[in-house]
């Protein structure tokens, strides 16, 4: 019964309406910021974001290991 309801909801959502097509320019002929960015070519590397991502990866080293006396099951010898 649940699968029929889920299937019905998915079909109803898919038939609700088609996606709008993207337009090259608007009526005034002015290109949007995204269109200008795409026209300018491949993106340049943002070194500050890359350095921040590296710093976030460095935070993984601060994760503590579980001690032997902590409340975690241990293998029986």
PDB file of N, CA and C in Angstrom:
ATOM      1  N   UNK A   1       0.813  -1.183   0.000  1.00  0.00           N
ATOM      2  CA  UNK A   1       0.000   0.000   0.000  1.00  0.00           C
ATOM      3  C   UNK A   1       0.861   1.252   0.000  1.00  0.00           C
ATOM      4  N   UNK A   2       1.931   1.226   0.819  1.00  0.00           N
ATOM      5  CA  UNK A   2       2.812   2.385   0.878  1.00  0.00           C
ATOM      6  C   UNK A   2       3.487   2.651  -0.466  1.00  0.00           C
ATOM      7  N   UNK A   3       3.895   1.576  -1.134  1.00  0.00           N
ATOM      8  CA  UNK A   3       4.594   1.771  -2.408  1.00  0.00           C
ATOM      9  C   UNK A   3       3.664   2.380  -3.451  1.00  0.00           C
ATOM     10  N   UNK A   4       2.387   2.019  -3.416  1.00  0.00           N
ATOM     11  CA  UNK A   4       1.440   2.621  -4.363  1.00  0.00           C
ATOM     12  C   UNK A   4       1.267   4.103  -4.098  1.00  0.00           C
ATOM     13  N   UNK A   5       1.174   4.468  -2.812  1.00  0.00           N
ATOM     14  CA  UNK A   5       1.054   5.888  -2.475  1.00  0.00           C
ATOM     15  C   UNK A   5       2.301   6.658  -2.897  1.00  0.00           C
ATOM     16  N   UNK A   6       3.463   6.097  -2.620  1.00  0.00           N
ATOM     17  CA  UNK A   6       4.719   6.770  -2.987  1.00  0.00           C
ATOM     18  C   UNK A   6       4.834   6.913  -4.494  1.00  0.00           C
ATOM     19  N   UNK A   7       4.491   5.855  -5.221  1.00  0.00           N
ATOM     20  CA  UNK A   7       4.540   5.906  -6.670  1.00  0.00           C
ATOM     21  C   UNK A   7       3.563   6.946  -7.200  1.00  0.00           C
ATOM     22  N   UNK A   8       2.374   7.002  -6.625  1.00  0.00           N
ATOM     23  CA  UNK A   8       1.389   7.993  -7.031  1.00  0.00           C
ATOM     24  C   UNK A   8       1.853   9.410  -6.768  1.00  0.00           C
ATOM     25  N   UNK A   9       2.491   9.638  -5.631  1.00  0.00           N
ATOM     26  CA  UNK A   9       3.005  10.973  -5.304  1.00  0.00           C
ATOM     27  C   UNK A   9       4.138  11.381  -6.248  1.00  0.00           C
ATOM     28  N   UNK A  10       4.987  10.439  -6.583  1.00  0.00           N
ATOM     29  CA  UNK A  10       6.086  10.738  -7.501  1.00  0.00           C
ATOM     30  C   UNK A  10       5.558  11.073  -8.887  1.00  0.00           C
ATOM     31  N   UNK A  11       4.588  10.304  -9.356  1.00  0.00           N
ATOM     32  CA  UNK A  11       3.993  10.566 -10.670  1.00  0.00           C
ATOM     33  C   UNK A  11       3.273  11.915 -10.670  1.00  0.00           C
ATOM     34  N   UNK A  12       2.557  12.226  -9.598  1.00  0.00           N
ATOM     35  CA  UNK A  12       1.853  13.505  -9.504  1.00  0.00           C
ATOM     36  C   UNK A  12       2.831  14.670  -9.499  1.00  0.00           C
ATOM     37  N   UNK A  13       3.955  14.519  -8.812  1.00  0.00           N
ATOM     38  CA  UNK A  13       4.953  15.585  -8.777  1.00  0.00           C
ATOM     39  C   UNK A  13       5.600  15.761 -10.141  1.00  0.00           C
ATOM     40  N   UNK A  14       5.826  14.668 -10.853  1.00  0.00           N
ATOM     41  CA  UNK A  14       6.461  14.751 -12.166  1.00  0.00           C
ATOM     42  C   UNK A  14       5.524  15.383 -13.191  1.00  0.00           C
ATOM     43  N   UNK A  15       4.228  15.152 -13.047  1.00  0.00           N
ATOM     44  CA  UNK A  15       3.265  15.687 -14.003  1.00  0.00           C
ATOM     45  C   UNK A  15       2.769  17.083 -13.628  1.00  0.00           C
ATOM     46  N   UNK A  16       3.218  17.622 -12.511  1.00  0.00           N
ATOM     47  CA  UNK A  16       2.723  18.916 -12.043  1.00  0.00           C
ATOM     48  C   UNK A  16       3.020  20.020 -13.046  1.00  0.00           C
ATOM     49  N   UNK A  17       4.155  19.979 -13.677  1.00  0.00           N
ATOM     50  CA  UNK A  17       4.469  21.002 -14.657  1.00  0.00           C
ATOM     51  C   UNK A  17       5.876  20.847 -15.172  1.00  0.00           C
ATOM     52  N   UNK A  18       6.081  21.186 -16.414  1.00  0.00           N
ATOM     53  CA  UNK A  18       7.426  21.080 -16.973  1.00  0.00           C
ATOM     54  C   UNK A  18       8.326  22.196 -16.436  1.00  0.00           C
ATOM     55  N   UNK A  19       9.599  21.965 -16.461  1.00  0.00           N
ATOM     56  CA  UNK A  19      10.562  22.968 -16.019  1.00  0.00           C
ATOM     57  C   UNK A  19      10.629  24.099 -17.036  1.00  0.00           C
ATOM     58  N   UNK A  20      10.857  25.290 -16.555  1.00  0.00           N
ATOM     59  CA  UNK A  20      10.953  26.444 -17.443  1.00  0.00           C
ATOM     60  C   UNK A  20      12.284  26.407 -18.186  1.00  0.00           C
ATOM     61  N   UNK A  21      12.250  26.809 -19.440  1.00  0.00           N
ATOM     62  CA  UNK A  21      13.474  26.829 -20.223  1.00  0.00           C
ATOM     63  C   UNK A  21      14.269  28.099 -19.928  1.00  0.00           C
ATOM     64  N   UNK A  22      15.578  27.954 -19.902  1.00  0.00           N
ATOM     65  CA  UNK A  22      16.441  29.105 -19.692  1.00  0.00           C
ATOM     66  C   UNK A  22      16.482  29.949 -20.958  1.00  0.00           C
ATOM     67  N   UNK A  23      16.547  31.248 -20.777  1.00  0.00           N
ATOM     68  CA  UNK A  23      16.586  32.154 -21.914  1.00  0.00           C
ATOM     69  C   UNK A  23      17.972  32.754 -22.037  1.00  0.00           C
ATOM     70  N   UNK A  24      18.390  33.021 -23.262  1.00  0.00           N
ATOM     71  CA  UNK A  24      19.725  33.593 -23.491  1.00  0.00           C
ATOM     72  C   UNK A  24      19.808  35.018 -22.955  1.00  0.00           C
ATOM     73  N   UNK A  25      18.873  35.857 -23.297  1.00  0.00           N
ATOM     74  CA  UNK A  25      18.839  37.231 -22.794  1.00  0.00           C
ATOM     75  C   UNK A  25      17.404  37.576 -22.418  1.00  0.00           C
ATOM     76  N   UNK A  26      17.270  38.589 -21.607  1.00  0.00           N
ATOM     77  CA  UNK A  26      15.923  39.031 -21.272  1.00  0.00           C
ATOM     78  C   UNK A  26      15.447  40.043 -22.322  1.00  0.00           C
ATOM     79  N   UNK A  27      14.299  40.635 -22.129  1.00  0.00           N
ATOM     80  CA  UNK A  27      13.708  41.498 -23.150  1.00  0.00           C
ATOM     81  C   UNK A  27      14.520  42.759 -23.405  1.00  0.00           C
ATOM     82  N   UNK A  28      15.217  43.255 -22.395  1.00  0.00           N
ATOM     83  CA  UNK A  28      15.985  44.490 -22.570  1.00  0.00           C
ATOM     84  C   UNK A  28      17.338  44.243 -23.237  1.00  0.00           C
ATOM     85  N   UNK A  29      17.729  42.991 -23.403  1.00  0.00           N
ATOM     86  CA  UNK A  29      18.997  42.678 -24.050  1.00  0.00           C
ATOM     87  C   UNK A  29      20.187  42.703 -23.108  1.00  0.00           C
ATOM     88  N   UNK A  30      19.956  42.947 -21.835  1.00  0.00           N
ATOM     89  CA  UNK A  30      21.051  42.986 -20.857  1.00  0.00           C
ATOM     90  C   UNK A  30      21.280  41.575 -20.346  1.00  0.00           C
ATOM     91  N   UNK A  31      22.541  41.126 -20.431  1.00  0.00           N
ATOM     92  CA  UNK A  31      22.859  39.787 -19.958  1.00  0.00           C
ATOM     93  C   UNK A  31      22.949  39.784 -18.437  1.00  0.00           C
ATOM     94  N   UNK A  32      22.592  38.641 -17.854  1.00  0.00           N
ATOM     95  CA  UNK A  32      22.652  38.511 -16.401  1.00  0.00           C
ATOM     96  C   UNK A  32      24.098  38.278 -15.963  1.00  0.00           C
ATOM     97  N   UNK A  33      24.302  38.324 -14.656  1.00  0.00           N
ATOM     98  CA  UNK A  33      25.647  38.133 -14.112  1.00  0.00           C
ATOM     99  C   UNK A  33      26.163  36.727 -14.401  1.00  0.00           C
ATOM    100  N   UNK A  34      25.284  35.738 -14.324  1.00  0.00           N
ATOM    101  CA  UNK A  34      25.686  34.364 -14.612  1.00  0.00           C
ATOM    102  C   UNK A  34      26.074  34.205 -16.075  1.00  0.00           C
ATOM    103  N   UNK A  35      25.333  34.817 -16.970  1.00  0.00           N
ATOM    104  CA  UNK A  35      25.662  34.748 -18.388  1.00  0.00           C
ATOM    105  C   UNK A  35      26.995  35.421 -18.674  1.00  0.00           C
ATOM    106  N   UNK A  36      27.288  36.516 -18.004  1.00  0.00           N
ATOM    107  CA  UNK A  36      28.585  37.182 -18.169  1.00  0.00           C
ATOM    108  C   UNK A  36      29.719  36.290 -17.667  1.00  0.00           C
ATOM    109  N   UNK A  37      29.498  35.624 -16.534  1.00  0.00           N
ATOM    110  CA  UNK A  37      30.525  34.748 -15.974  1.00  0.00           C
ATOM    111  C   UNK A  37      30.796  33.577 -16.900  1.00  0.00           C
ATOM    112  N   UNK A  38      29.748  33.005 -17.478  1.00  0.00           N
ATOM    113  CA  UNK A  38      29.929  31.885 -18.392  1.00  0.00           C
ATOM    114  C   UNK A  38      30.622  32.329 -19.673  1.00  0.00           C
ATOM    115  N   UNK A  39      30.357  33.532 -20.111  1.00  0.00           N
ATOM    116  CA  UNK A  39      30.951  34.051 -21.336  1.00  0.00           C
ATOM    117  C   UNK A  39      32.438  34.389 -21.149  1.00  0.00           C
ATOM    118  N   UNK A  40      32.839  34.691 -19.898  1.00  0.00           N
ATOM    119  CA  UNK A  40      34.223  35.119 -19.654  1.00  0.00           C
ATOM    120  C   UNK A  40      35.218  33.958 -19.702  1.00  0.00           C
ATOM    121  N   UNK A  41      34.765  32.731 -19.718  1.00  0.00           N
ATOM    122  CA  UNK A  41      35.671  31.589 -19.836  1.00  0.00           C
ATOM    123  C   UNK A  41      35.765  30.803 -18.553  1.00  0.00           C
ATOM    124  N   UNK A  42      36.788  29.938 -18.475  1.00  0.00           N
ATOM    125  CA  UNK A  42      36.931  29.086 -17.291  1.00  0.00           C
ATOM    126  C   UNK A  42      37.239  29.921 -16.047  1.00  0.00           C
ATOM    127  N   UNK A  43      36.759  29.475 -14.883  1.00  0.00           N
ATOM    128  CA  UNK A  43      36.969  30.261 -13.656  1.00  0.00           C
ATOM    129  C   UNK A  43      38.423  30.218 -13.213  1.00  0.00           C
ATOM    130  N   UNK A  44      38.825  31.286 -12.552  1.00  0.00           N
ATOM    131  CA  UNK A  44      40.162  31.356 -11.974  1.00  0.00           C
ATOM    132  C   UNK A  44      40.124  30.709 -10.593  1.00  0.00           C
ATOM    133  N   UNK A  45      41.255  30.231 -10.121  1.00  0.00           N
ATOM    134  CA  UNK A  45      41.327  29.566  -8.817  1.00  0.00           C
ATOM    135  C   UNK A  45      41.236  30.624  -7.723  1.00  0.00           C
ATOM    136  N   UNK A  46      40.329  30.432  -6.792  1.00  0.00           N
ATOM    137  CA  UNK A  46      40.185  31.325  -5.650  1.00  0.00           C
ATOM    138  C   UNK A  46      41.050  30.755  -4.525  1.00  0.00           C
ATOM    139  N   UNK A  47      42.217  31.336  -4.328  1.00  0.00           N
ATOM    140  CA  UNK A  47      43.195  30.788  -3.390  1.00  0.00           C
ATOM    141  C   UNK A  47      42.723  30.864  -1.951  1.00  0.00           C
ATOM    142  N   UNK A  48      41.908  31.876  -1.602  1.00  0.00           N
ATOM    143  CA  UNK A  48      41.431  31.981  -0.224  1.00  0.00           C
ATOM    144  C   UNK A  48      40.468  30.846   0.113  1.00  0.00           C
ATOM    145  N   UNK A  49      39.593  30.482  -0.818  1.00  0.00           N
ATOM    146  CA  UNK A  49      38.685  29.362  -0.573  1.00  0.00           C
ATOM    147  C   UNK A  49      39.457  28.049  -0.495  1.00  0.00           C
ATOM    148  N   UNK A  50      40.479  27.900  -1.323  1.00  0.00           N
ATOM    149  CA  UNK A  50      41.293  26.692  -1.291  1.00  0.00           C
ATOM    150  C   UNK A  50      42.043  26.576   0.036  1.00  0.00           C
ATOM    151  N   UNK A  51      42.559  27.694   0.528  1.00  0.00           N
ATOM    152  CA  UNK A  51      43.258  27.701   1.813  1.00  0.00           C
ATOM    153  C   UNK A  51      42.289  27.400   2.960  1.00  0.00           C
ATOM    154  N   UNK A  52      41.066  27.921   2.883  1.00  0.00           N
ATOM    155  CA  UNK A  52      40.061  27.637   3.901  1.00  0.00           C
ATOM    156  C   UNK A  52      39.675  26.174   3.922  1.00  0.00           C
ATOM    157  N   UNK A  53      39.540  25.559   2.740  1.00  0.00           N
ATOM    158  CA  UNK A  53      39.205  24.134   2.676  1.00  0.00           C
ATOM    159  C   UNK A  53      40.330  23.295   3.263  1.00  0.00           C
ATOM    160  N   UNK A  54      41.562  23.693   3.011  1.00  0.00           N
ATOM    161  CA  UNK A  54      42.703  22.988   3.585  1.00  0.00           C
ATOM    162  C   UNK A  54      42.704  23.113   5.108  1.00  0.00           C
ATOM    163  N   UNK A  55      42.334  24.270   5.612  1.00  0.00           N
ATOM    164  CA  UNK A  55      42.239  24.471   7.059  1.00  0.00           C
ATOM    165  C   UNK A  55      41.157  23.610   7.675  1.00  0.00           C
ATOM    166  N   UNK A  56      40.028  23.471   6.977  1.00  0.00           N
ATOM    167  CA  UNK A  56      38.963  22.613   7.499  1.00  0.00           C
ATOM    168  C   UNK A  56      39.390  21.157   7.531  1.00  0.00           C
ATOM    169  N   UNK A  57      40.177  20.738   6.554  1.00  0.00           N
ATOM    170  CA  UNK A  57      40.697  19.374   6.577  1.00  0.00           C
ATOM    171  C   UNK A  57      41.670  19.192   7.732  1.00  0.00           C
ATOM    172  N   UNK A  58      42.390  20.241   8.085  1.00  0.00           N
ATOM    173  CA  UNK A  58      43.316  20.171   9.207  1.00  0.00           C
ATOM    174  C   UNK A  58      42.613  19.980  10.541  1.00  0.00           C
ATOM    175  N   UNK A  59      41.349  20.428  10.617  1.00  0.00           N
ATOM    176  CA  UNK A  59      40.594  20.246  11.859  1.00  0.00           C
ATOM    177  C   UNK A  59      40.312  18.783  12.155  1.00  0.00           C
ATOM    178  N   UNK A  60      40.374  17.930  11.156  1.00  0.00           N
ATOM    179  CA  UNK A  60      40.153  16.504  11.387  1.00  0.00           C
ATOM    180  C   UNK A  60      41.227  15.907  12.294  1.00  0.00           C
ATOM    181  N   UNK A  61      42.398  16.517  12.321  1.00  0.00           N
ATOM    182  CA  UNK A  61      43.470  16.031  13.191  1.00  0.00           C
ATOM    183  C   UNK A  61      43.204  16.287  14.660  1.00  0.00           C
ATOM    184  N   UNK A  62      42.254  17.156  14.975  1.00  0.00           N
ATOM    185  CA  UNK A  62      41.951  17.455  16.367  1.00  0.00           C
ATOM    186  C   UNK A  62      40.957  16.477  16.978  1.00  0.00           C
ATOM    187  N   UNK A  63      40.430  15.575  16.164  1.00  0.00           N
ATOM    188  CA  UNK A  63      39.459  14.597  16.666  1.00  0.00           C
ATOM    189  C   UNK A  63      40.152  13.641  17.629  1.00  0.00           C
ATOM    190  N   UNK A  64      39.575  13.476  18.819  1.00  0.00           N
ATOM    191  CA  UNK A  64      40.195  12.638  19.845  1.00  0.00           C
ATOM    192  C   UNK A  64      39.891  11.176  19.596  1.00  0.00           C
ATOM    193  N   UNK A  65      40.844  10.360  19.920  1.00  0.00           N
ATOM    194  CA  UNK A  65      40.663   8.910  19.865  1.00  0.00           C
ATOM    195  C   UNK A  65      39.941   8.475  21.137  1.00  0.00           C
ATOM    196  N   UNK A  66      39.291   7.328  21.091  1.00  0.00           N
ATOM    197  CA  UNK A  66      38.637   6.795  22.276  1.00  0.00           C
ATOM    198  C   UNK A  66      39.695   6.204  23.199  1.00  0.00           C
ATOM    199  N   UNK A  67      39.603   6.574  24.457  1.00  0.00           N
ATOM    200  CA  UNK A  67      40.530   6.027  25.452  1.00  0.00           C
ATOM    201  C   UNK A  67      40.152   4.610  25.836  1.00  0.00           C
ATOM    202  N   UNK A  68      41.063   3.927  26.467  1.00  0.00           N
ATOM    203  CA  UNK A  68      40.813   2.550  26.870  1.00  0.00           C
ATOM    204  C   UNK A  68      39.787   2.468  27.990  1.00  0.00           C
ATOM    205  N   UNK A  69      39.646   3.523  28.807  1.00  0.00           N
ATOM    206  CA  UNK A  69      38.730   3.464  29.930  1.00  0.00           C
ATOM    207  C   UNK A  69      37.359   4.091  29.593  1.00  0.00           C
ATOM    208  N   UNK A  70      37.116   4.404  28.365  1.00  0.00           N
ATOM    209  CA  UNK A  70      35.841   4.990  28.001  1.00  0.00           C
ATOM    210  C   UNK A  70      34.758   3.922  27.903  1.00  0.00           C
ATOM    211  N   UNK A  71      33.534   4.345  27.796  1.00  0.00           N
ATOM    212  CA  UNK A  71      32.409   3.414  27.762  1.00  0.00           C
ATOM    213  C   UNK A  71      32.181   2.966  26.315  1.00  0.00           C
ATOM    214  N   UNK A  72      33.006   2.096  25.846  1.00  0.00           N
ATOM    215  CA  UNK A  72      32.881   1.496  24.522  1.00  0.00           C
ATOM    216  C   UNK A  72      33.129   0.007  24.665  1.00  0.00           C
ATOM    217  N   UNK A  73      32.365  -0.794  23.978  1.00  0.00           N
ATOM    218  CA  UNK A  73      32.591  -2.240  24.102  1.00  0.00           C
ATOM    219  C   UNK A  73      33.965  -2.645  23.580  1.00  0.00           C
ATOM    220  N   UNK A  74      34.576  -3.528  24.285  1.00  0.00           N
ATOM    221  CA  UNK A  74      35.899  -4.016  23.893  1.00  0.00           C
ATOM    222  C   UNK A  74      35.798  -5.502  23.583  1.00  0.00           C
ATOM    223  N   UNK A  75      36.705  -5.970  22.793  1.00  0.00           N
ATOM    224  CA  UNK A  75      36.707  -7.400  22.470  1.00  0.00           C
ATOM    225  C   UNK A  75      37.088  -8.214  23.712  1.00  0.00           C
ATOM    226  N   UNK A  76      36.453  -9.371  23.863  1.00  0.00           N
ATOM    227  CA  UNK A  76      36.723 -10.221  25.006  1.00  0.00           C
ATOM    228  C   UNK A  76      37.964 -11.066  24.719  1.00  0.00           C
ATOM    229  N   UNK A  77      38.866 -11.085  25.673  1.00  0.00           N
ATOM    230  CA  UNK A  77      40.107 -11.844  25.478  1.00  0.00           C
ATOM    231  C   UNK A  77      39.972 -13.266  25.902  1.00  0.00           C
TER     232      UNK A  77
END
